[in-house]
N, C-alpha and C. Protein backbone atom coordinates (compact mmCIF):
# COMPACT_ATOMS: atom_id res chain seq x y z
N MET A 1 89.72 73.97 123.45
CA MET A 1 91.05 74.37 122.92
C MET A 1 91.42 75.72 123.20
N THR A 2 92.52 75.97 123.86
CA THR A 2 93.09 77.05 124.12
C THR A 2 93.59 77.87 122.77
N VAL A 3 93.27 79.35 122.75
CA VAL A 3 93.29 80.20 121.62
C VAL A 3 94.23 81.47 121.60
N ARG A 4 95.08 81.36 120.70
CA ARG A 4 96.06 82.58 121.25
C ARG A 4 95.88 83.87 119.95
N SER A 5 95.23 84.94 120.36
CA SER A 5 94.99 85.87 119.21
C SER A 5 96.45 86.94 119.68
N ALA A 6 96.99 87.16 118.21
CA ALA A 6 98.04 88.20 118.28
C ALA A 6 97.60 89.30 117.49
N ARG A 7 97.85 90.40 117.96
CA ARG A 7 97.76 91.66 116.80
C ARG A 7 99.34 92.59 116.40
N VAL A 8 99.13 92.73 114.97
CA VAL A 8 100.45 93.35 114.61
C VAL A 8 99.98 94.56 113.75
N ILE A 9 100.42 95.65 113.81
CA ILE A 9 100.19 96.98 113.26
C ILE A 9 100.65 96.70 111.86
N GLY A 10 99.57 96.79 110.85
CA GLY A 10 100.06 96.82 109.65
C GLY A 10 101.16 97.41 108.85
N ALA A 11 101.25 98.97 109.35
CA ALA A 11 102.16 100.01 109.06
C ALA A 11 103.47 99.43 109.57
N ALA A 12 103.66 98.90 110.69
CA ALA A 12 105.00 98.29 111.13
C ALA A 12 105.43 97.06 110.58
N LEU A 13 104.92 96.51 109.58
CA LEU A 13 105.01 95.18 108.92
C LEU A 13 106.40 95.55 107.85
N ALA A 14 105.88 96.79 107.11
CA ALA A 14 106.79 97.09 105.89
C ALA A 14 108.33 97.50 106.42
N PHE A 15 108.18 98.25 107.83
CA PHE A 15 109.32 98.54 108.30
C PHE A 15 110.21 97.38 109.14
N ALA A 16 109.78 96.40 109.38
CA ALA A 16 110.20 95.57 110.43
C ALA A 16 111.01 94.59 109.97
N LEU A 17 111.14 94.18 108.59
CA LEU A 17 112.09 93.49 107.81
C LEU A 17 113.42 94.00 107.79
N LEU A 18 113.44 95.37 107.51
CA LEU A 18 114.59 96.32 107.41
C LEU A 18 115.11 96.45 108.91
N GLY A 19 114.69 96.30 109.72
CA GLY A 19 115.31 96.16 111.32
C GLY A 19 115.22 94.81 111.82
N ALA A 20 115.02 93.71 111.22
CA ALA A 20 114.70 92.38 111.66
C ALA A 20 116.11 92.18 112.76
N GLY A 21 115.82 91.93 114.02
CA GLY A 21 116.85 91.57 114.68
C GLY A 21 117.95 92.52 115.33
N CYS A 22 117.47 93.84 114.99
CA CYS A 22 118.37 95.27 115.25
C CYS A 22 117.70 95.64 116.40
N VAL A 23 116.43 95.63 116.87
CA VAL A 23 115.61 96.35 117.65
C VAL A 23 115.68 95.96 118.85
N ALA A 24 115.86 96.71 120.13
CA ALA A 24 116.38 96.36 121.53
C ALA A 24 115.12 96.23 122.03
N ARG A 25 113.96 97.10 121.62
CA ARG A 25 112.51 97.14 122.48
C ARG A 25 111.61 97.64 121.45
N ASP A 26 110.41 97.23 121.46
CA ASP A 26 109.43 97.57 120.61
C ASP A 26 108.89 99.01 120.73
N ALA A 27 108.67 99.53 119.44
CA ALA A 27 108.36 100.85 119.10
C ALA A 27 107.19 101.13 119.87
N THR A 28 107.02 102.40 120.45
CA THR A 28 105.84 102.96 120.93
C THR A 28 104.89 103.50 120.04
N GLU A 29 103.41 103.46 120.45
CA GLU A 29 102.54 103.87 119.34
C GLU A 29 102.97 105.25 118.73
N ALA A 30 103.58 106.09 119.60
CA ALA A 30 103.82 107.32 118.83
C ALA A 30 104.85 107.29 118.13
N GLU A 31 105.82 106.66 118.16
CA GLU A 31 107.02 106.33 117.40
C GLU A 31 106.73 105.51 116.02
N LYS A 32 105.50 104.74 116.20
CA LYS A 32 104.87 104.02 114.92
C LYS A 32 104.35 105.10 114.32
N SER A 33 103.12 106.07 114.90
CA SER A 33 102.57 106.89 113.83
C SER A 33 103.58 108.08 113.50
N ALA A 34 104.74 108.49 114.19
CA ALA A 34 105.38 109.57 113.47
C ALA A 34 105.94 108.87 112.51
N ALA A 35 106.70 107.62 112.42
CA ALA A 35 107.20 107.20 111.32
C ALA A 35 106.45 106.94 110.03
N VAL A 36 105.21 106.64 110.31
CA VAL A 36 104.17 106.68 109.23
C VAL A 36 103.90 107.99 108.52
N ALA A 37 104.01 109.00 109.60
CA ALA A 37 103.39 110.06 109.01
C ALA A 37 104.40 110.94 108.40
N ARG A 38 105.96 110.68 108.59
CA ARG A 38 107.03 111.17 107.85
C ARG A 38 106.78 110.69 106.32
N GLN A 39 106.22 109.55 106.23
CA GLN A 39 106.17 108.87 105.00
C GLN A 39 104.83 109.51 104.31
N ALA A 40 103.83 109.79 104.85
CA ALA A 40 102.61 109.84 104.13
C ALA A 40 102.61 110.65 102.99
N PRO A 41 103.44 111.80 102.68
CA PRO A 41 103.30 112.43 101.65
C PRO A 41 103.87 111.57 100.22
N VAL A 42 104.84 110.77 100.55
CA VAL A 42 105.42 109.99 99.31
C VAL A 42 104.34 109.20 98.84
N ASP A 43 104.47 108.91 97.65
CA ASP A 43 103.61 107.97 96.87
C ASP A 43 104.50 107.10 95.56
N ILE A 44 103.96 106.12 95.08
CA ILE A 44 104.85 105.25 94.06
C ILE A 44 103.69 105.30 93.32
N ASP A 45 103.61 105.48 91.96
CA ASP A 45 102.79 105.54 90.89
C ASP A 45 101.35 105.59 91.49
N GLY A 46 101.32 106.94 92.19
CA GLY A 46 99.87 107.36 92.44
C GLY A 46 99.38 106.59 93.80
N VAL A 47 100.23 105.78 94.50
CA VAL A 47 99.79 104.79 95.55
C VAL A 47 100.36 105.46 96.75
N PRO A 48 99.80 105.81 97.90
CA PRO A 48 100.53 106.17 98.99
C PRO A 48 101.66 105.05 99.41
N LEU A 49 102.65 105.45 99.87
CA LEU A 49 103.76 104.65 100.25
C LEU A 49 103.51 103.48 101.07
N ARG A 50 102.94 104.01 102.10
CA ARG A 50 102.27 102.75 103.25
C ARG A 50 101.76 101.90 102.44
N ASP A 51 100.31 102.32 101.79
CA ASP A 51 99.85 101.06 100.99
C ASP A 51 100.59 100.30 100.01
N TRP A 52 101.58 101.00 99.54
CA TRP A 52 102.21 100.37 98.28
C TRP A 52 103.24 99.29 99.25
N LEU A 53 103.63 99.58 100.40
CA LEU A 53 104.65 98.78 100.84
C LEU A 53 103.82 97.65 101.88
N GLN A 54 102.53 97.91 102.22
CA GLN A 54 101.69 97.03 102.66
C GLN A 54 101.22 95.75 101.95
N ARG A 55 101.02 96.23 100.66
CA ARG A 55 100.89 95.29 99.82
C ARG A 55 101.80 94.19 99.07
N ARG A 56 103.17 94.86 99.46
CA ARG A 56 104.33 94.11 99.34
C ARG A 56 105.04 93.50 100.67
N THR A 57 104.47 93.46 101.64
CA THR A 57 104.92 92.65 102.70
C THR A 57 103.99 91.76 103.41
N ALA A 58 104.62 90.49 103.62
CA ALA A 58 103.48 89.50 104.02
C ALA A 58 104.06 89.42 105.77
N LEU A 59 102.93 88.89 106.26
CA LEU A 59 103.08 88.48 107.66
C LEU A 59 103.37 87.06 107.89
N LEU A 60 104.59 86.76 108.37
CA LEU A 60 104.83 85.24 108.79
C LEU A 60 104.23 84.75 110.25
N VAL A 61 103.84 83.65 110.26
CA VAL A 61 103.03 83.15 111.47
C VAL A 61 103.89 81.80 111.65
N CYS A 62 104.58 81.92 112.71
CA CYS A 62 105.78 80.76 113.04
C CYS A 62 105.44 79.88 114.14
N GLY A 63 105.40 78.52 114.06
CA GLY A 63 104.98 77.60 115.19
C GLY A 63 103.62 77.21 115.26
N ALA A 64 102.54 77.61 114.58
CA ALA A 64 101.13 76.93 114.32
C ALA A 64 100.69 77.58 113.09
N LEU A 65 99.85 76.92 112.36
CA LEU A 65 98.97 77.01 111.47
C LEU A 65 97.82 77.89 111.95
N PRO A 66 97.54 79.18 111.36
CA PRO A 66 96.36 80.16 111.70
C PRO A 66 95.12 79.10 111.49
N THR A 67 94.04 79.37 112.13
CA THR A 67 92.87 79.00 112.16
C THR A 67 91.86 80.25 111.42
N ALA A 68 92.24 81.34 111.52
CA ALA A 68 91.95 82.39 111.21
C ALA A 68 92.87 83.45 111.01
N VAL A 69 92.40 84.49 109.70
CA VAL A 69 93.30 85.86 109.72
C VAL A 69 92.56 86.87 109.19
N GLU A 70 92.37 87.99 109.84
CA GLU A 70 91.75 88.97 109.43
C GLU A 70 92.93 90.26 109.28
N HIS A 71 92.09 91.25 108.53
CA HIS A 71 92.94 92.65 108.63
C HIS A 71 91.96 93.63 108.18
N ASP A 72 91.99 94.37 109.35
CA ASP A 72 90.94 95.72 109.40
C ASP A 72 91.55 97.04 108.60
N GLY A 73 92.56 96.86 107.89
CA GLY A 73 93.17 97.99 107.28
C GLY A 73 94.13 98.76 107.98
N GLU A 74 94.32 98.45 109.18
CA GLU A 74 95.25 98.62 110.12
C GLU A 74 95.96 97.82 110.59
N ARG A 75 95.29 96.57 111.47
CA ARG A 75 95.75 95.59 112.16
C ARG A 75 95.68 94.29 111.74
N TRP A 76 96.35 93.19 111.54
CA TRP A 76 96.21 91.87 111.50
C TRP A 76 95.69 91.57 112.78
N GLN A 77 94.84 90.63 112.60
CA GLN A 77 94.22 89.79 113.95
C GLN A 77 94.45 88.13 113.27
N VAL A 78 95.32 87.39 114.07
CA VAL A 78 95.89 86.24 113.63
C VAL A 78 95.25 85.46 114.93
N THR A 79 94.40 84.05 114.38
CA THR A 79 93.92 83.40 115.72
C THR A 79 94.90 81.72 115.30
N THR A 80 95.40 81.30 116.36
CA THR A 80 96.01 80.04 116.07
C THR A 80 95.82 78.99 117.09
N PRO A 81 96.04 77.86 117.08
CA PRO A 81 96.06 76.89 118.42
C PRO A 81 97.06 77.16 119.07
N LEU A 82 97.19 77.03 120.46
CA LEU A 82 98.09 77.21 121.33
C LEU A 82 99.32 76.21 120.89
N ALA A 83 100.43 76.88 120.84
CA ALA A 83 101.68 75.78 120.21
C ALA A 83 102.50 75.63 121.42
N GLU A 84 103.20 74.45 121.73
CA GLU A 84 103.80 73.98 122.72
C GLU A 84 105.08 75.06 122.93
N ARG A 85 105.55 75.28 121.72
CA ARG A 85 106.91 76.20 121.91
C ARG A 85 106.84 77.72 121.58
N GLY A 86 105.42 78.21 121.27
CA GLY A 86 105.01 79.42 121.46
C GLY A 86 104.67 79.71 119.74
N VAL A 87 104.14 80.63 119.58
CA VAL A 87 103.93 81.35 118.08
C VAL A 87 104.62 82.62 118.11
N GLY A 88 105.58 82.70 116.88
CA GLY A 88 106.31 83.93 116.48
C GLY A 88 105.59 84.52 115.32
N LEU A 89 105.67 85.87 115.24
CA LEU A 89 104.93 86.67 114.05
C LEU A 89 106.22 87.38 113.48
N ALA A 90 106.77 87.34 112.14
CA ALA A 90 107.60 88.04 111.47
C ALA A 90 106.89 88.72 110.08
N CYS A 91 107.90 89.07 109.35
CA CYS A 91 107.52 89.67 108.08
C CYS A 91 108.35 89.13 106.90
N ALA A 92 107.87 89.14 105.74
CA ALA A 92 108.84 88.95 104.58
C ALA A 92 108.27 89.66 103.30
N VAL A 93 109.01 89.43 102.49
CA VAL A 93 108.76 90.38 101.33
C VAL A 93 108.68 89.28 100.12
N PRO A 94 107.54 89.60 98.93
CA PRO A 94 107.61 88.65 98.01
C PRO A 94 108.81 89.39 96.92
N ILE A 95 109.47 88.01 96.33
CA ILE A 95 110.45 88.09 95.37
C ILE A 95 110.00 87.60 94.29
N GLY A 96 109.73 88.37 93.05
CA GLY A 96 109.15 87.55 91.72
C GLY A 96 107.61 87.46 92.17
N THR A 97 107.24 86.78 91.32
CA THR A 97 105.62 86.31 91.05
C THR A 97 105.21 84.82 91.47
N ASP A 98 106.39 84.03 91.68
CA ASP A 98 106.48 82.39 91.83
C ASP A 98 105.73 81.92 93.43
N GLY A 99 105.63 82.87 94.18
CA GLY A 99 105.22 82.60 95.50
C GLY A 99 106.46 82.50 96.54
N CYS A 100 107.57 83.03 96.15
CA CYS A 100 108.59 83.13 96.99
C CYS A 100 108.71 84.23 97.84
N PHE A 101 109.03 84.27 99.02
CA PHE A 101 109.27 85.62 99.86
C PHE A 101 110.65 85.35 100.62
N LEU A 102 111.04 86.59 100.53
CA LEU A 102 112.32 86.82 101.37
C LEU A 102 112.35 87.21 102.54
N THR A 103 112.85 86.43 103.77
CA THR A 103 112.52 86.73 105.29
C THR A 103 114.10 86.42 105.87
N SER A 104 113.97 86.51 107.16
CA SER A 104 115.32 86.48 108.01
C SER A 104 115.39 85.12 108.43
N ALA A 105 116.65 84.35 108.27
CA ALA A 105 116.59 82.99 108.75
C ALA A 105 116.14 82.93 110.09
N HIS A 106 116.53 83.79 111.13
CA HIS A 106 116.13 83.42 112.47
C HIS A 106 114.66 83.63 112.48
N ASN A 107 113.93 84.06 111.61
CA ASN A 107 112.26 83.92 111.64
C ASN A 107 111.81 82.67 111.83
N LEU A 108 112.60 81.70 111.18
CA LEU A 108 111.87 80.17 110.89
C LEU A 108 112.51 79.12 112.03
N ARG A 109 112.81 79.69 113.05
CA ARG A 109 113.28 78.86 113.88
C ARG A 109 111.90 77.94 114.76
N LEU A 110 110.81 78.85 114.75
CA LEU A 110 109.51 77.76 114.88
C LEU A 110 108.84 77.32 113.69
N ARG A 111 108.80 76.08 113.56
CA ARG A 111 107.92 75.58 112.61
C ARG A 111 106.48 75.07 112.99
N PRO A 112 105.51 74.78 112.09
CA PRO A 112 105.16 75.20 110.86
C PRO A 112 105.37 76.96 110.54
N VAL A 113 105.47 77.36 109.28
CA VAL A 113 105.63 78.61 108.71
C VAL A 113 104.33 78.91 107.82
N CYS A 114 103.70 79.82 108.04
CA CYS A 114 102.55 80.35 107.43
C CYS A 114 102.86 81.57 106.88
N VAL A 115 102.45 81.93 105.50
CA VAL A 115 102.50 83.09 104.96
C VAL A 115 101.36 83.56 104.75
N CYS A 116 101.07 85.20 105.18
CA CYS A 116 99.83 85.63 105.05
C CYS A 116 99.98 87.09 104.39
N VAL A 117 99.08 87.33 103.26
CA VAL A 117 99.11 88.30 102.44
C VAL A 117 97.68 89.08 102.21
N LEU A 118 97.97 90.19 101.89
CA LEU A 118 96.58 91.12 101.79
C LEU A 118 96.24 91.07 100.03
N THR A 119 95.13 90.64 99.96
CA THR A 119 94.87 90.87 98.36
C THR A 119 93.33 91.66 98.52
N ASN A 120 92.97 92.01 97.25
CA ASN A 120 91.70 92.83 97.02
C ASN A 120 90.43 92.02 97.52
N GLN A 121 90.87 90.65 97.57
CA GLN A 121 89.45 89.82 98.26
C GLN A 121 89.54 89.83 99.64
N GLY A 122 90.62 90.34 100.33
CA GLY A 122 91.00 90.14 101.76
C GLY A 122 92.17 89.53 101.98
N PRO A 123 92.46 89.05 103.28
CA PRO A 123 93.62 88.33 103.59
C PRO A 123 93.82 86.67 103.11
N ARG A 124 94.60 86.38 102.54
CA ARG A 124 94.75 84.89 102.04
C ARG A 124 95.95 84.29 102.91
N TRP A 125 96.06 83.23 103.13
CA TRP A 125 97.19 82.51 103.86
C TRP A 125 97.38 81.27 103.35
N ALA A 126 98.64 80.83 103.46
CA ALA A 126 98.95 79.32 103.25
C ALA A 126 100.13 78.96 103.75
N GLU A 127 100.14 77.64 104.09
CA GLU A 127 101.57 77.03 104.71
C GLU A 127 102.76 77.23 103.80
N ALA A 128 103.82 77.55 104.35
CA ALA A 128 105.07 77.94 103.42
C ALA A 128 106.12 76.57 103.40
N THR A 129 106.48 76.40 102.57
CA THR A 129 107.77 75.59 102.34
C THR A 129 108.96 76.30 102.40
N VAL A 130 110.11 75.82 103.19
CA VAL A 130 111.29 76.51 103.21
C VAL A 130 112.21 76.16 101.98
N VAL A 131 112.76 77.09 101.36
CA VAL A 131 113.36 76.76 100.15
C VAL A 131 115.00 76.70 100.19
N ALA A 132 115.42 77.90 100.67
CA ALA A 132 116.64 78.02 101.43
C ALA A 132 116.82 78.63 102.62
N VAL A 133 117.82 78.52 103.12
CA VAL A 133 117.74 79.53 104.70
C VAL A 133 119.29 79.43 104.98
N GLY A 134 119.60 80.68 105.35
CA GLY A 134 120.88 80.80 105.75
C GLY A 134 121.50 80.51 107.30
N ASP A 135 122.65 80.63 107.62
CA ASP A 135 122.70 80.69 109.14
C ASP A 135 122.68 82.03 109.89
N ALA A 136 121.44 81.97 110.72
CA ALA A 136 120.78 82.87 111.25
C ALA A 136 122.03 83.38 112.49
N GLY A 137 123.08 82.71 112.72
CA GLY A 137 124.38 83.02 113.59
C GLY A 137 125.25 83.74 112.93
N VAL A 138 125.37 84.04 111.68
CA VAL A 138 126.54 84.33 110.86
C VAL A 138 126.09 85.74 110.46
N GLU A 139 126.61 86.78 110.63
CA GLU A 139 126.37 88.37 110.16
C GLU A 139 126.25 88.10 108.46
N GLY A 140 125.14 88.58 108.22
CA GLY A 140 125.13 88.60 106.39
C GLY A 140 124.73 87.41 106.11
N ASP A 141 124.53 86.27 106.79
CA ASP A 141 123.89 85.12 106.05
C ASP A 141 122.46 84.94 106.71
N ASP A 142 121.86 85.87 107.46
CA ASP A 142 120.69 85.64 108.19
C ASP A 142 119.36 86.01 107.08
N LEU A 143 119.49 85.18 106.07
CA LEU A 143 118.63 85.43 105.41
C LEU A 143 117.75 84.03 104.86
N ALA A 144 116.53 83.91 104.37
CA ALA A 144 115.87 82.87 103.74
C ALA A 144 114.78 83.05 102.94
N VAL A 145 114.42 81.87 102.15
CA VAL A 145 113.43 82.23 100.98
C VAL A 145 112.30 80.97 101.47
N VAL A 146 111.28 81.48 101.62
CA VAL A 146 110.11 80.30 101.79
C VAL A 146 109.19 80.59 100.46
N ARG A 147 108.27 79.49 100.17
CA ARG A 147 107.50 79.53 99.03
C ARG A 147 106.09 79.03 99.68
N ALA A 148 104.91 79.87 99.24
CA ALA A 148 103.64 79.34 99.53
C ALA A 148 102.87 79.58 98.32
N ASP A 149 101.93 79.08 98.09
CA ASP A 149 100.97 79.13 96.95
C ASP A 149 99.75 80.13 97.29
N LEU A 150 100.42 81.31 96.96
CA LEU A 150 99.39 82.48 97.21
C LEU A 150 99.55 83.53 96.27
N PRO A 151 98.38 84.45 95.85
CA PRO A 151 98.69 85.49 94.94
C PRO A 151 99.37 86.36 95.43
N ILE A 152 100.39 86.88 94.38
CA ILE A 152 101.64 87.89 94.50
C ILE A 152 101.21 89.23 93.98
N ALA A 153 100.98 90.09 94.20
CA ALA A 153 100.90 91.40 93.44
C ALA A 153 102.16 92.30 93.44
N GLY A 154 102.77 92.34 92.54
CA GLY A 154 104.03 93.54 92.78
C GLY A 154 105.32 92.97 93.54
N GLY A 155 105.70 91.78 93.60
CA GLY A 155 106.90 91.25 94.02
C GLY A 155 107.93 92.08 93.93
N PHE A 156 109.20 91.97 94.53
CA PHE A 156 110.19 92.54 94.25
C PHE A 156 111.17 91.72 93.38
N GLU A 157 112.02 92.10 92.57
CA GLU A 157 112.66 91.68 91.55
C GLU A 157 114.07 91.48 92.33
N LEU A 158 114.90 90.16 92.21
CA LEU A 158 116.08 90.42 92.47
C LEU A 158 117.07 90.39 91.38
N SER A 159 117.95 91.05 91.75
CA SER A 159 119.30 91.20 90.51
C SER A 159 120.47 91.29 91.16
N ASP A 160 121.53 90.94 90.64
CA ASP A 160 122.87 90.92 90.76
C ASP A 160 123.78 92.09 90.20
N ALA A 161 122.92 92.80 89.15
CA ALA A 161 123.44 93.80 88.48
C ALA A 161 123.58 95.07 88.82
N PRO A 162 124.68 95.73 89.04
CA PRO A 162 124.87 97.10 89.91
C PRO A 162 123.79 98.23 89.18
N PRO A 163 123.22 98.91 90.45
CA PRO A 163 122.36 99.64 89.76
C PRO A 163 122.90 100.95 88.96
N ARG A 164 122.06 101.53 88.02
CA ARG A 164 122.54 102.74 87.48
C ARG A 164 121.76 104.14 88.23
N ARG A 165 122.00 104.94 87.66
CA ARG A 165 121.68 106.13 88.20
C ARG A 165 120.11 106.39 88.06
N GLY A 166 119.17 106.39 88.92
CA GLY A 166 117.92 106.53 88.83
C GLY A 166 117.13 105.29 89.26
N THR A 167 117.79 104.29 89.46
CA THR A 167 117.19 103.04 89.78
C THR A 167 116.83 102.89 90.95
N VAL A 168 115.62 102.60 91.34
CA VAL A 168 115.20 102.37 93.00
C VAL A 168 115.67 101.05 93.25
N VAL A 169 116.28 101.06 94.53
CA VAL A 169 116.89 99.93 94.78
C VAL A 169 116.52 99.73 96.42
N TYR A 170 115.92 98.26 96.77
CA TYR A 170 115.62 98.06 97.93
C TYR A 170 116.75 97.12 98.67
N ALA A 171 117.03 97.25 100.03
CA ALA A 171 117.76 96.31 100.52
C ALA A 171 117.55 95.40 101.70
N ALA A 172 118.01 94.52 101.90
CA ALA A 172 117.60 93.76 103.16
C ALA A 172 118.62 92.75 103.68
N GLY A 173 118.58 92.80 105.00
CA GLY A 173 119.45 92.02 105.55
C GLY A 173 120.31 92.63 106.83
N GLN A 174 121.30 92.07 107.72
CA GLN A 174 121.91 92.61 108.50
C GLN A 174 123.12 93.59 108.21
N GLY A 175 123.18 94.38 108.76
CA GLY A 175 124.40 95.21 108.29
C GLY A 175 124.26 96.25 106.96
N VAL A 176 122.95 96.43 106.64
CA VAL A 176 122.84 97.19 105.34
C VAL A 176 122.73 98.58 105.73
N SER A 177 123.67 99.37 104.82
CA SER A 177 123.53 100.84 105.16
C SER A 177 123.53 101.55 103.79
């Protein structure tokens, strides 16, 4: 059996959803390090921003189900069987605590989809079910929700209420400014 291994830098995962579909080239290692270094002094509830975001960002493996998933504190190592149409990597963020994750619709072109998260016991992963998917070809509709039976620590809560002064707000999608 042919095996394909892929590495994704953990720090880049947190920022990838914000720019999903908007990057014309991969960031260089120097650009990734500089982006993380600029954020290093920031913390949320005493937790460095990088760690806080990393625990709230999931890795999506699209096109094949992993046979092994590892994380060394910096990088993911995902092993999958070779898929006929290839294997894609993307990211998602947990919304709530019921196993739902927000991602971009264009990430779901390859199936099956697997969600990988970091826990205190190490990485965990599970096959995901697509709950809702927008039209990847329509600006502003390139969003999707998948559900996986995984432990979620500190998911983001969705709200349609306007933010008040002092409210921390996170936005995702195309054309967000």
